[in-house]
């Protein structure tokens, strides 16, 4: 290593440490953490109970997929505001045995009775977000459980029923309400109070949020999980549980939905082809549509590739400017092109073509912001028009590496905080249909790519990612919750490890800079705030905002050492052996 390169690495490490200390002053940071190391196996998840369940399964000889199933079941219990069996998920799995990379799509689907006017009022105008969100209207067919069952059938080691036991035990014995869960209940109290089952569970007899430390038991969820453990996923999609879900959705007072038993029974996860692209000496892979996350992350990496990021300070105006401009370009394309590929022809290969990305990168000036970017034209697709969708941040992420070297990166969600606020069998139902564009047509009558259609999967931003070295071996599994900021959070962690040689914890601690083709958002309470004047001088509109990402990562060294990290902005941990 040259002296200049050595000094650069030292500088980057120092910047990561400085960023970690600066995070201490923010409301969401609680501690300074060192990365966790292990030699054999590791998990990282958004709650200690979930991580402990994953490690328990690995110690019993379970696979990375087995651990993911167990962690999701526990997250359903202890982090209900973010994910659960009433929602959906995307899972990347790399097999150490044959090098196969599976991209599992467990995204929710719209009911067959859903029509393009689902979120329009009687005058044909879009509903207000919260009018659409709460109740049955926004509930899609949950996909997480079916996806995990399919992945387990393909890559599981332990019996299906064994994977549910940690969650069942914890649901019956109870767990202490964490600060994060308490804060979520406080923030959502009014909406929770509007639905009886959720109010009874999350609020006390006087209508106040359950306090931190309250021992919360969930016998109904324990019974639900016991049925699924014993009878398999069909118990959820065709049996008594399915009937309760449909009854709750259709019978919701004030905002009934269109879900039918036939929708539940017909749901199937999809095994898709991962999207991959080179980045310097690595190959980075993510999820394909209907999530936009994989394409967005790879596009941002692609347009940044011509810049020598390793020579820049990771917490500098120069770096923040480049990251923001890359985000503008990626989100311009995202909003125009990406939707459910079973309904819309998404030009994935063209969007990731190296020549196309080089032309997009040439639009970036180091001296001035381009302002609002327009979508590129990798193909002539005049039939498509941009569509938004709300894509709000209440999601979770987990990673696992088992003793055989198999790797899982999974992002899972019920969409908004506490989803639709409908509770059935001890778990919450999603509101993922609000990820569709509420307006099905533009002013000229053209169909919006992400419009509601029967059986369609709404666009997402979830970005579970695995990076590989030149030999094709995985070196990093990472991902985050955070709504439409997820690709930006994931990009930041990737750059921290791949460009600045930071350990995963230091990479996750870097202050966030995100642009979604609008204002450049700087993370409040961090070193990023100080970058505002320099960015404004380059023409950026700057906003300083809270950004509670929930990144989890595991790096795999050349000697097989595992290094794990959990985002200090939330309550997760990494555990390994």
Protein backbone atom coordinates (compact mmCIF):
# COMPACT_ATOMS: atom_id res chain seq x y z
CA UNK A 1 0.00 0.00 0.00
CA UNK A 2 1.38 3.43 -0.94
CA UNK A 3 1.84 6.10 1.74
CA UNK A 4 -0.82 8.27 0.12
CA UNK A 5 -3.27 5.39 0.07
CA UNK A 6 -2.43 4.52 3.68
CA UNK A 7 -3.05 8.11 4.77
CA UNK A 8 -6.33 8.13 2.83
CA UNK A 9 -7.51 4.97 4.59
CA UNK A 10 -6.53 6.39 7.99
CA UNK A 11 -8.40 9.56 7.17
CA UNK A 12 -11.50 7.65 6.18
CA UNK A 13 -11.40 5.58 9.35
CA UNK A 14 -11.07 8.74 11.39
CA UNK A 15 -14.02 10.26 9.55
CA UNK A 16 -16.12 7.21 10.35
CA UNK A 17 -15.19 7.39 14.03
CA UNK A 18 -15.89 11.14 14.11
CA UNK A 19 -19.28 10.58 12.49
CA UNK A 20 -20.10 7.97 15.12
CA UNK A 21 -19.33 10.38 17.94
CA UNK A 22 -21.31 13.15 16.28
CA UNK A 23 -24.28 10.82 16.12
CA UNK A 24 -24.22 10.64 19.91
CA UNK A 25 -25.85 14.03 20.14
CA UNK A 26 -28.86 13.03 18.05
CA UNK A 27 -32.13 11.88 19.55
CA UNK A 28 -32.01 8.45 17.98
CA UNK A 29 -28.45 7.43 18.87
CA UNK A 30 -27.89 5.55 22.11
CA UNK A 31 -24.34 4.25 22.12
CA UNK A 32 -21.06 3.83 20.34
CA UNK A 33 -20.63 0.32 19.05
CA UNK A 34 -17.78 -1.75 17.81
CA UNK A 35 -18.45 -4.23 15.03
CA UNK A 36 -19.24 -7.79 16.15
CA UNK A 37 -16.99 -10.57 14.87
CA UNK A 38 -17.54 -14.30 14.56
CA UNK A 39 -15.84 -17.26 12.91
CA UNK A 40 -18.70 -19.59 12.01
CA UNK A 41 -22.13 -18.00 11.73
CA UNK A 42 -23.91 -14.70 12.36
CA UNK A 43 -27.23 -12.87 12.30
CA UNK A 44 -28.23 -9.23 12.61
CA UNK A 45 -31.81 -8.04 13.12
CA UNK A 46 -33.78 -5.03 14.29
CA UNK A 47 -34.53 -6.31 17.79
CA UNK A 48 -32.37 -8.32 20.22
CA UNK A 49 -35.10 -10.95 20.69
CA UNK A 50 -35.19 -11.56 16.94
CA UNK A 51 -31.41 -11.79 16.67
CA UNK A 52 -31.31 -14.22 19.60
CA UNK A 53 -33.92 -16.40 17.88
CA UNK A 54 -31.85 -16.43 14.70
CA UNK A 55 -28.71 -17.40 16.57
CA UNK A 56 -30.62 -20.14 18.44
CA UNK A 57 -31.69 -21.65 15.12
CA UNK A 58 -28.16 -21.46 13.68
CA UNK A 59 -26.78 -23.17 16.78
CA UNK A 60 -29.29 -25.97 16.27
CA UNK A 61 -27.87 -26.57 12.80
CA UNK A 62 -30.27 -24.34 10.92
CA UNK A 63 -29.54 -22.62 7.64
CA UNK A 64 -29.50 -18.90 6.93
CA UNK A 65 -33.06 -19.23 5.60
CA UNK A 66 -34.13 -21.09 8.75
CA UNK A 67 -32.73 -18.23 10.83
CA UNK A 68 -34.57 -15.68 8.67
CA UNK A 69 -37.89 -17.48 9.24
CA UNK A 70 -37.36 -17.54 13.00
CA UNK A 71 -36.34 -13.88 13.09
CA UNK A 72 -39.37 -12.80 11.06
CA UNK A 73 -41.74 -14.62 13.41
CA UNK A 74 -40.20 -12.88 16.43
CA UNK A 75 -40.23 -9.50 14.68
CA UNK A 76 -43.97 -10.01 14.11
CA UNK A 77 -44.26 -10.03 17.90
CA UNK A 78 -41.68 -7.50 19.12
CA UNK A 79 -41.57 -5.03 16.22
CA UNK A 80 -45.19 -5.12 14.97
CA UNK A 81 -45.02 -1.50 13.85
CA UNK A 82 -42.56 -2.44 11.11
CA UNK A 83 -43.08 -5.95 9.75
CA UNK A 84 -44.79 -9.28 10.28
CA UNK A 85 -46.66 -12.18 8.74
CA UNK A 86 -49.41 -9.74 7.75
CA UNK A 87 -47.01 -8.02 5.35
CA UNK A 88 -44.56 -8.78 2.56
CA UNK A 89 -40.83 -9.16 2.00
CA UNK A 90 -37.99 -9.50 -0.50
CA UNK A 91 -35.21 -12.01 0.18
CA UNK A 92 -31.84 -12.56 -1.51
CA UNK A 93 -30.17 -15.91 -0.86
CA UNK A 94 -26.70 -16.96 -1.99
CA UNK A 95 -25.90 -20.67 -1.88
CA UNK A 96 -22.36 -21.60 -0.87
CA UNK A 97 -22.91 -25.06 -2.35
CA UNK A 98 -23.50 -24.08 -5.95
CA UNK A 99 -23.13 -20.28 -6.05
CA UNK A 100 -26.80 -19.81 -7.00
CA UNK A 101 -28.36 -16.45 -6.16
CA UNK A 102 -32.11 -16.60 -5.48
CA UNK A 103 -34.23 -13.45 -5.47
CA UNK A 104 -37.50 -14.22 -3.70
CA UNK A 105 -40.42 -11.85 -4.28
CA UNK A 106 -42.90 -12.00 -1.40
CA UNK A 107 -44.51 -8.66 -2.19
CA UNK A 108 -48.21 -8.25 -1.44
CA UNK A 109 -50.72 -8.38 -4.30
CA UNK A 110 -53.83 -6.33 -4.95
CA UNK A 111 -57.10 -8.27 -4.73
CA UNK A 112 -58.67 -9.28 -8.02
CA UNK A 113 -61.52 -6.88 -7.25
CA UNK A 114 -59.11 -3.93 -6.97
CA UNK A 115 -59.60 -1.45 -9.81
CA UNK A 116 -57.66 1.66 -10.90
CA UNK A 117 -60.11 3.87 -8.99
CA UNK A 118 -59.38 2.16 -5.65
CA UNK A 119 -57.91 5.32 -4.12
CA UNK A 120 -60.18 7.89 -5.79
CA UNK A 121 -63.11 9.56 -4.06
CA UNK A 122 -66.61 10.02 -5.48
CA UNK A 123 -65.41 13.06 -7.45
CA UNK A 124 -62.54 11.12 -9.00
CA UNK A 125 -59.90 12.84 -6.86
CA UNK A 126 -57.17 11.00 -4.92
CA UNK A 127 -58.01 10.20 -1.32
CA UNK A 128 -55.98 11.75 1.46
CA UNK A 129 -53.24 9.37 2.51
CA UNK A 130 -54.57 8.54 5.98
CA UNK A 131 -58.10 8.13 4.64
CA UNK A 132 -56.75 5.45 2.33
CA UNK A 133 -54.35 3.87 4.80
CA UNK A 134 -56.39 2.94 7.88
CA UNK A 135 -58.77 0.02 7.52
CA UNK A 136 -59.35 -2.60 4.88
CA UNK A 137 -59.03 -0.65 1.62
CA UNK A 138 -55.20 -0.68 1.51
CA UNK A 139 -54.66 -4.30 2.60
CA UNK A 140 -52.91 -6.45 0.01
CA UNK A 141 -52.60 -10.23 0.10
CA UNK A 142 -49.74 -10.83 2.58
CA UNK A 143 -46.72 -12.45 0.93
CA UNK A 144 -43.96 -12.78 3.54
CA UNK A 145 -45.06 -16.13 4.94
CA UNK A 146 -45.55 -17.83 1.57
CA UNK A 147 -42.17 -16.55 0.41
CA UNK A 148 -40.38 -17.79 3.52
CA UNK A 149 -42.05 -21.19 3.18
CA UNK A 150 -40.91 -21.47 -0.46
CA UNK A 151 -37.36 -20.44 0.44
CA UNK A 152 -37.35 -22.90 3.35
CA UNK A 153 -38.49 -25.74 1.10
CA UNK A 154 -35.53 -24.98 -1.15
CA UNK A 155 -32.83 -24.02 1.39
CA UNK A 156 -34.03 -25.06 4.87
CA UNK A 157 -32.26 -27.52 7.14
CA UNK A 158 -34.51 -27.76 10.19
CA UNK A 159 -38.18 -28.78 10.27
CA UNK A 160 -40.59 -25.94 9.53
CA UNK A 161 -42.31 -26.23 12.92
CA UNK A 162 -39.03 -25.82 14.83
CA UNK A 163 -38.53 -22.34 13.40
CA UNK A 164 -41.65 -21.01 15.12
CA UNK A 165 -40.83 -22.14 18.64
CA UNK A 166 -38.80 -19.08 19.76
CA UNK A 167 -41.62 -16.74 18.77
CA UNK A 168 -44.33 -18.94 20.28
CA UNK A 169 -42.44 -19.17 23.58
CA UNK A 170 -41.87 -15.43 23.69
CA UNK A 171 -45.47 -14.61 22.77
CA UNK A 172 -46.76 -16.74 25.66
CA UNK A 173 -44.19 -15.71 28.29
CA UNK A 174 -44.17 -12.06 27.25
CA UNK A 175 -41.53 -9.46 26.45
CA UNK A 176 -40.83 -6.01 27.78
CA UNK A 177 -42.09 -3.13 25.64
CA UNK A 178 -39.01 -1.37 24.30
CA UNK A 179 -38.49 2.36 24.05
CA UNK A 180 -38.84 2.15 20.28
CA UNK A 181 -42.13 0.26 20.39
CA UNK A 182 -43.46 2.63 23.06
CA UNK A 183 -42.50 5.67 20.96
CA UNK A 184 -44.24 4.15 17.92
CA UNK A 185 -47.42 3.59 19.93
CA UNK A 186 -47.28 7.18 21.19
CA UNK A 187 -46.85 8.51 17.65
CA UNK A 188 -49.69 6.37 16.30
CA UNK A 189 -52.07 6.44 19.27
CA UNK A 190 -54.95 8.19 17.49
CA UNK A 191 -54.94 5.77 14.57
CA UNK A 192 -54.47 2.76 16.86
CA UNK A 193 -57.44 3.90 18.94
CA UNK A 194 -59.64 3.87 15.82
CA UNK A 195 -59.46 0.08 15.52
CA UNK A 196 -60.67 -2.00 18.49
CA UNK A 197 -58.30 -4.97 18.35
CA UNK A 198 -55.20 -2.81 17.99
CA UNK A 199 -56.38 -0.43 20.71
CA UNK A 200 -57.00 -3.29 23.13
CA UNK A 201 -53.51 -4.65 22.54
CA UNK A 202 -51.34 -1.51 22.36
CA UNK A 203 -53.19 0.82 24.77
CA UNK A 204 -54.00 0.37 28.45
CA UNK A 205 -57.45 0.52 29.98
CA UNK A 206 -57.36 4.32 30.07
CA UNK A 207 -56.32 4.61 26.43
CA UNK A 208 -52.68 5.45 27.13
CA UNK A 209 -49.77 3.81 25.27
CA UNK A 210 -48.20 0.83 27.02
CA UNK A 211 -45.18 2.08 29.00
CA UNK A 212 -41.59 1.04 28.49
CA UNK A 213 -40.94 -2.16 30.43
CA UNK A 214 -44.55 -3.36 30.36
CA UNK A 215 -44.59 -7.13 29.89
CA UNK A 216 -46.67 -7.71 26.78
CA UNK A 217 -48.07 -11.16 26.04
CA UNK A 218 -49.78 -12.22 22.84
CA UNK A 219 -51.61 -15.52 23.23
CA UNK A 220 -53.52 -14.92 19.99
CA UNK A 221 -50.30 -14.70 17.99
CA UNK A 222 -48.92 -17.77 19.75
CA UNK A 223 -52.02 -19.69 18.66
CA UNK A 224 -51.73 -18.36 15.09
CA UNK A 225 -48.06 -19.32 14.83
CA UNK A 226 -48.79 -22.74 16.33
CA UNK A 227 -51.36 -23.41 13.60
CA UNK A 228 -48.92 -22.35 10.87
CA UNK A 229 -46.11 -24.38 12.44
CA UNK A 230 -48.24 -27.50 12.58
CA UNK A 231 -50.17 -27.24 9.31
CA UNK A 232 -47.82 -25.20 7.13
CA UNK A 233 -48.41 -21.94 5.27
CA UNK A 234 -51.68 -23.12 3.74
CA UNK A 235 -53.22 -22.73 7.20
CA UNK A 236 -52.62 -19.02 6.76
CA UNK A 237 -53.83 -18.74 3.17
CA UNK A 238 -56.78 -21.14 3.11
CA UNK A 239 -57.90 -21.96 6.65
CA UNK A 240 -59.37 -20.23 9.66
CA UNK A 241 -56.66 -17.55 9.70
CA UNK A 242 -57.46 -16.58 6.11
CA UNK A 243 -61.17 -16.33 6.92
CA UNK A 244 -60.42 -13.99 9.82
CA UNK A 245 -58.22 -11.81 7.61
CA UNK A 246 -60.86 -11.52 4.90
CA UNK A 247 -63.60 -10.82 7.44
CA UNK A 248 -61.57 -8.06 9.05
CA UNK A 249 -60.77 -6.43 5.69
CA UNK A 250 -64.28 -6.63 4.25
CA UNK A 251 -65.99 -5.83 7.54
CA UNK A 252 -63.95 -2.80 8.48
CA UNK A 253 -66.31 -0.02 9.45
CA UNK A 254 -65.71 3.10 7.40
CA UNK A 255 -63.06 1.80 5.00
CA UNK A 256 -63.76 -1.77 3.88
CA UNK A 257 -61.46 -3.55 1.47
CA UNK A 258 -61.95 -5.89 -1.46
CA UNK A 259 -59.93 -8.91 -0.36
CA UNK A 260 -61.53 -12.34 -0.98
CA UNK A 261 -60.69 -15.87 0.16
CA UNK A 262 -59.83 -16.65 -3.46
CA UNK A 263 -57.13 -13.94 -3.39
CA UNK A 264 -55.57 -15.50 -0.30
CA UNK A 265 -55.63 -19.03 -1.73
CA UNK A 266 -54.18 -17.94 -5.07
CA UNK A 267 -51.14 -16.12 -3.68
CA UNK A 268 -47.76 -17.48 -4.74
CA UNK A 269 -44.29 -15.98 -4.22
CA UNK A 270 -42.11 -15.51 -7.28
CA UNK A 271 -38.51 -16.63 -7.68
CA UNK A 272 -37.03 -13.90 -9.85
CA UNK A 273 -33.61 -13.24 -11.37
CA UNK A 274 -31.51 -10.90 -9.25
CA UNK A 275 -30.25 -7.68 -10.82
CA UNK A 276 -26.45 -7.42 -10.77
CA UNK A 277 -23.84 -4.99 -12.05
CA UNK A 278 -20.10 -4.46 -11.66
CA UNK A 279 -18.80 -1.80 -9.32
CA UNK A 280 -15.04 -1.33 -9.41
CA UNK A 281 -13.57 -4.68 -8.30
CA UNK A 282 -16.92 -5.99 -7.08
CA UNK A 283 -20.20 -7.31 -8.39
CA UNK A 284 -23.23 -5.97 -6.56
CA UNK A 285 -26.61 -7.72 -6.68
CA UNK A 286 -30.07 -6.71 -5.53
CA UNK A 287 -33.77 -7.38 -5.99
CA UNK A 288 -35.46 -6.77 -9.35
CA UNK A 289 -38.90 -5.18 -9.81
CA UNK A 290 -41.51 -4.84 -8.46
CA UNK A 291 -39.11 -3.19 -6.05
CA UNK A 292 -37.21 -0.25 -7.47
CA UNK A 293 -34.47 -0.61 -4.88
CA UNK A 294 -32.12 -2.96 -6.68
CA UNK A 295 -32.11 -0.95 -9.91
CA UNK A 296 -31.78 2.37 -8.05
CA UNK A 297 -28.79 1.22 -5.99
CA UNK A 298 -27.03 -0.21 -9.05
CA UNK A 299 -27.75 2.89 -11.12
CA UNK A 300 -26.30 5.13 -8.42
CA UNK A 301 -23.20 2.97 -8.20
CA UNK A 302 -22.93 2.97 -11.98
CA UNK A 303 -23.00 6.74 -12.37
CA UNK A 304 -20.57 7.21 -9.46
CA UNK A 305 -18.04 4.75 -10.84
CA UNK A 306 -16.12 7.37 -12.84
CA UNK A 307 -15.39 9.41 -9.71
CA UNK A 308 -12.49 8.56 -7.39
CA UNK A 309 -14.56 8.38 -4.23
CA UNK A 310 -11.78 6.62 -2.33
CA UNK A 311 -9.75 9.83 -2.54
CA UNK A 312 -12.58 11.90 -1.03
CA UNK A 313 -13.56 12.34 2.59
CA UNK A 314 -16.75 10.30 3.11
CA UNK A 315 -18.22 13.19 5.12
CA UNK A 316 -17.58 16.09 2.76
CA UNK A 317 -19.55 18.43 0.55
CA UNK A 318 -17.83 16.96 -2.53
CA UNK A 319 -18.97 13.44 -1.66
CA UNK A 320 -22.45 14.54 -0.61
CA UNK A 321 -22.90 16.44 -3.89
CA UNK A 322 -22.01 13.40 -5.99
CA UNK A 323 -24.27 11.09 -3.97
CA UNK A 324 -27.17 13.54 -4.27
CA UNK A 325 -26.75 13.95 -8.03
CA UNK A 326 -26.65 10.16 -8.48
CA UNK A 327 -29.86 9.91 -6.49
CA UNK A 328 -31.58 12.46 -8.74
CA UNK A 329 -30.80 10.45 -11.84
CA UNK A 330 -31.81 7.11 -10.35
CA UNK A 331 -35.13 8.38 -8.99
CA UNK A 332 -36.05 10.08 -12.25
CA UNK A 333 -35.77 6.68 -13.96
CA UNK A 334 -37.40 4.86 -11.04
CA UNK A 335 -40.53 6.98 -11.15
CA UNK A 336 -41.01 6.52 -14.86
CA UNK A 337 -40.07 2.93 -15.55
CA UNK A 338 -40.33 0.68 -12.49
CA UNK A 339 -43.49 -1.21 -11.58
CA UNK A 340 -44.68 -4.82 -11.37
CA UNK A 341 -42.90 -6.57 -14.28
CA UNK A 342 -45.85 -8.95 -14.69
CA UNK A 343 -47.93 -5.94 -15.76
CA UNK A 344 -45.44 -3.43 -17.14
CA UNK A 345 -42.43 -4.03 -19.38
CA UNK A 346 -39.59 -2.73 -17.23
CA UNK A 347 -36.39 -2.20 -19.30
CA UNK A 348 -34.09 -3.59 -16.60
CA UNK A 349 -31.13 -4.43 -18.83
CA UNK A 350 -31.31 -1.08 -20.60
CA UNK A 351 -31.48 0.83 -17.32
CA UNK A 352 -28.35 -0.96 -16.09
CA UNK A 353 -26.44 -0.87 -19.38
CA UNK A 354 -22.94 0.49 -18.74
CA UNK A 355 -23.06 2.77 -21.77
CA UNK A 356 -26.40 4.21 -20.69
CA UNK A 357 -25.12 4.81 -17.17
CA UNK A 358 -21.97 6.46 -18.53
CA UNK A 359 -24.15 8.89 -20.49
CA UNK A 360 -26.23 9.58 -17.38
CA UNK A 361 -23.07 10.08 -15.32
CA UNK A 362 -21.85 12.68 -17.81
CA UNK A 363 -24.79 14.85 -16.71
CA UNK A 364 -23.16 15.25 -13.28
CA UNK A 365 -21.02 18.35 -12.82
CA UNK A 366 -18.70 18.51 -9.82
CA UNK A 367 -19.35 22.25 -9.56
CA UNK A 368 -23.12 22.63 -9.71
CA UNK A 369 -26.29 20.64 -9.15
CA UNK A 370 -28.35 19.70 -12.18
CA UNK A 371 -31.56 20.47 -10.28
CA UNK A 372 -34.51 18.22 -10.95
CA UNK A 373 -33.41 15.42 -13.27
CA UNK A 374 -35.47 14.05 -16.12
CA UNK A 375 -35.71 10.35 -16.84
CA UNK A 376 -33.36 8.96 -19.42
CA UNK A 377 -34.42 7.16 -22.57
CA UNK A 378 -32.67 3.80 -22.62
CA UNK A 379 -35.59 2.68 -24.75
CA UNK A 380 -38.31 4.66 -26.49
CA UNK A 381 -41.18 4.21 -24.00
CA UNK A 382 -43.48 7.13 -24.67
CA UNK A 383 -46.42 5.09 -23.31
CA UNK A 384 -45.21 5.40 -19.70
CA UNK A 385 -45.67 8.32 -17.36
CA UNK A 386 -44.24 8.86 -13.88
CA UNK A 387 -46.29 7.86 -10.89
CA UNK A 388 -45.53 8.47 -7.27
CA UNK A 389 -47.08 6.40 -4.49
CA UNK A 390 -46.34 7.21 -0.87
CA UNK A 391 -43.80 4.50 0.08
CA UNK A 392 -43.51 5.53 3.73
CA UNK A 393 -40.83 4.34 6.17
CA UNK A 394 -41.90 1.53 8.50
CA UNK A 395 -39.98 -1.57 7.55
CA UNK A 396 -37.30 -3.92 8.88
CA UNK A 397 -34.19 -5.65 7.61
CA UNK A 398 -32.22 -8.73 8.64
CA UNK A 399 -29.12 -10.58 7.48
CA UNK A 400 -27.77 -14.06 8.20
CA UNK A 401 -24.74 -16.18 7.33
CA UNK A 402 -24.83 -19.84 8.38
CA UNK A 403 -22.07 -22.32 9.17
CA UNK A 404 -22.03 -23.53 5.55
CA UNK A 405 -21.48 -20.01 4.25
CA UNK A 406 -24.98 -19.44 2.86
CA UNK A 407 -26.06 -15.79 2.95
CA UNK A 408 -29.47 -14.12 3.37
CA UNK A 409 -30.32 -10.43 3.04
CA UNK A 410 -34.03 -9.76 3.58
CA UNK A 411 -36.16 -6.63 3.82
CA UNK A 412 -39.67 -6.98 5.22
CA UNK A 413 -42.53 -4.55 5.79
CA UNK A 414 -46.15 -3.83 6.69
CA UNK A 415 -45.68 -0.38 5.06
CA UNK A 416 -46.83 2.43 7.38
CA UNK A 417 -46.30 2.36 11.15
CA UNK A 418 -48.62 -0.47 12.33
CA UNK A 419 -49.77 -1.05 8.74
CA UNK A 420 -53.50 -0.74 8.19
CA UNK A 421 -54.03 -0.85 12.00
CA UNK A 422 -56.25 -3.89 11.51
CA UNK A 423 -55.24 -6.70 13.87
CA UNK A 424 -56.17 -10.33 13.29
CA UNK A 425 -54.97 -13.37 15.23
CA UNK A 426 -52.44 -11.29 17.15
CA UNK A 427 -50.74 -9.69 14.12
CA UNK A 428 -51.23 -6.56 12.04
CA UNK A 429 -52.31 -6.43 8.41
CA UNK A 430 -50.36 -4.35 5.91
CA UNK A 431 -51.41 -1.21 4.05
CA UNK A 432 -49.08 -1.89 1.12
CA UNK A 433 -51.62 -0.99 -1.55
CA UNK A 434 -50.97 2.67 -0.75
CA UNK A 435 -47.61 2.13 -2.48
CA UNK A 436 -49.54 2.28 -5.75
CA UNK A 437 -49.97 5.61 -7.47
CA UNK A 438 -53.36 6.96 -6.39
CA UNK A 439 -53.89 8.56 -9.83
CA UNK A 440 -54.17 5.83 -12.47
CA UNK A 441 -53.91 8.25 -15.44
CA UNK A 442 -52.00 11.42 -16.17
CA UNK A 443 -53.59 14.60 -17.52
CA UNK A 444 -53.33 13.26 -21.08
CA UNK A 445 -55.04 9.98 -20.22
CA UNK A 446 -51.90 7.83 -20.27
CA UNK A 447 -51.64 4.95 -17.81
CA UNK A 448 -49.26 5.43 -14.89
CA UNK A 449 -46.85 2.49 -14.63
CA UNK A 450 -47.50 2.01 -10.91
CA UNK A 451 -51.30 2.31 -11.12
CA UNK A 452 -53.58 -0.11 -9.27
CA UNK A 453 -54.60 -3.22 -11.23
CA UNK A 454 -56.18 -6.52 -10.14
CA UNK A 455 -53.55 -8.92 -8.83
CA UNK A 456 -50.72 -6.43 -9.30
CA UNK A 457 -47.84 -5.93 -6.87
CA UNK A 458 -47.18 -2.30 -5.85
CA UNK A 459 -43.77 -0.77 -6.46
CA UNK A 460 -41.41 -0.82 -3.50
CA UNK A 461 -38.04 0.69 -2.57
CA UNK A 462 -36.76 -2.26 -0.52
CA UNK A 463 -33.14 -2.99 -1.38
CA UNK A 464 -31.69 -6.18 0.13
CA UNK A 465 -28.18 -6.35 -1.34
CA UNK A 466 -25.23 -8.74 -1.54
CA UNK A 467 -21.81 -7.67 -2.88
CA UNK A 468 -19.30 -10.16 -4.30
CA UNK A 469 -15.56 -10.09 -4.94
CA UNK A 470 -13.86 -10.82 -8.25
CA UNK A 471 -13.88 -14.54 -7.47
CA UNK A 472 -17.66 -14.50 -7.03
CA UNK A 473 -17.57 -14.90 -3.24
CA UNK A 474 -19.88 -12.76 -1.09
CA UNK A 475 -18.15 -10.01 0.87
CA UNK A 476 -21.10 -7.98 2.21
CA UNK A 477 -24.81 -8.48 2.88
CA UNK A 478 -26.68 -5.28 3.70
CA UNK A 479 -30.04 -3.51 3.57
CA UNK A 480 -32.30 -1.14 5.47
CA UNK A 481 -35.83 0.04 6.15
CA UNK A 482 -36.70 3.65 5.42
CA UNK A 483 -39.33 3.98 2.69
CA UNK A 484 -38.12 5.64 -0.49
CA UNK A 485 -34.86 6.57 1.25
CA UNK A 486 -33.88 2.88 1.44
CA UNK A 487 -31.75 2.90 -1.75
CA UNK A 488 -29.85 5.94 -0.44
CA UNK A 489 -29.21 4.34 2.93
CA UNK A 490 -28.04 1.11 1.29
CA UNK A 491 -25.80 2.99 -1.14
CA UNK A 492 -24.11 4.87 1.71
CA UNK A 493 -23.26 1.62 3.51
CA UNK A 494 -21.93 0.02 0.32
CA UNK A 495 -19.69 3.00 -0.39
CA UNK A 496 -18.44 2.95 3.19
CA UNK A 497 -17.23 -0.63 2.89
CA UNK A 498 -16.28 -0.89 -0.79
CA UNK A 499 -14.76 2.56 -1.37
CA UNK A 500 -13.59 3.77 2.02
CA UNK A 501 -12.55 0.45 3.57
CA UNK A 502 -14.62 1.09 6.69
CA UNK A 503 -15.74 -1.78 8.89
CA UNK A 504 -19.51 -2.40 8.66
CA UNK A 505 -20.33 -0.56 11.88
CA UNK A 506 -18.42 2.55 10.85
CA UNK A 507 -20.08 2.38 7.42
CA UNK A 508 -23.54 2.17 9.00
CA UNK A 509 -22.68 5.05 11.31
CA UNK A 510 -21.91 7.44 8.43
CA UNK A 511 -24.33 10.37 8.40
CA UNK A 512 -26.95 10.12 5.68
CA UNK A 513 -27.21 12.22 2.53
CA UNK A 514 -30.20 11.33 0.35
CA UNK A 515 -31.72 12.88 -2.76
CA UNK A 516 -34.91 11.48 -4.35
CA UNK A 517 -34.88 13.92 -7.27
CA UNK A 518 -35.87 16.90 -5.16
CA UNK A 519 -34.34 18.45 -2.09
CA UNK A 520 -31.07 17.06 -0.76
CA UNK A 521 -31.78 15.65 2.69
CA UNK A 522 -29.05 15.84 5.33
CA UNK A 523 -29.34 13.81 8.52
CA UNK A 524 -30.12 15.95 11.54
CA UNK A 525 -27.80 15.77 14.51
CA UNK A 526 -24.81 14.59 12.50
CA UNK A 527 -21.79 15.96 10.68
CA UNK A 528 -23.93 16.12 7.53
CA UNK A 529 -25.64 19.27 8.84
CA UNK A 530 -22.44 21.26 8.42
CA UNK A 531 -22.42 20.48 4.68
CA UNK A 532 -25.52 22.57 3.99
CA UNK A 533 -23.83 25.88 3.04
CA UNK A 534 -21.41 24.25 0.60
CA UNK A 535 -24.20 22.26 -1.03
CA UNK A 536 -26.43 25.31 -1.28
CA UNK A 537 -23.61 27.13 -3.02
CA UNK A 538 -23.73 24.38 -5.65
CA UNK A 539 -27.44 24.94 -6.18
CA UNK A 540 -28.93 22.29 -3.89
CA UNK A 541 -32.14 22.88 -2.01
CA UNK A 542 -31.18 21.47 1.39
CA UNK A 543 -33.36 20.02 4.14
CA UNK A 544 -32.03 18.87 7.52
CA UNK A 545 -34.26 16.01 8.69
CA UNK A 546 -34.29 13.01 11.01
CA UNK A 547 -33.45 9.81 9.14
CA UNK A 548 -33.99 6.70 11.22
CA UNK A 549 -32.53 4.07 8.94
CA UNK A 550 -32.30 0.52 10.26
CA UNK A 551 -29.30 -0.85 8.40
CA UNK A 552 -27.97 -4.32 9.17
CA UNK A 553 -24.84 -5.74 7.59
CA UNK A 554 -22.50 -8.71 7.69
CA UNK A 555 -19.10 -8.52 5.99
CA UNK A 556 -17.28 -11.74 5.09
CA UNK A 557 -13.49 -11.56 5.15
CA UNK A 558 -11.12 -13.45 2.88
CA UNK A 559 -10.31 -15.71 5.85
CA UNK A 560 -13.98 -16.36 6.52
CA UNK A 561 -14.23 -14.03 9.51
CA UNK A 562 -17.69 -12.52 9.85
CA UNK A 563 -18.08 -8.90 10.92
CA UNK A 564 -21.58 -7.77 11.74
CA UNK A 565 -23.21 -4.45 12.49
CA UNK A 566 -26.60 -3.05 13.45
CA UNK A 567 -27.74 0.53 12.95
CA UNK A 568 -27.47 2.50 16.18
CA UNK A 569 -30.43 4.60 15.10
CA UNK A 570 -32.67 1.67 16.07
CA UNK A 571 -32.49 -1.15 18.64
CA UNK A 572 -31.05 -4.01 16.60
CA UNK A 573 -27.98 -6.13 17.28
CA UNK A 574 -25.60 -8.49 15.51
CA UNK A 575 -24.86 -11.86 17.17
CA UNK A 576 -22.50 -14.61 16.07
CA UNK A 577 -20.39 -17.62 17.00
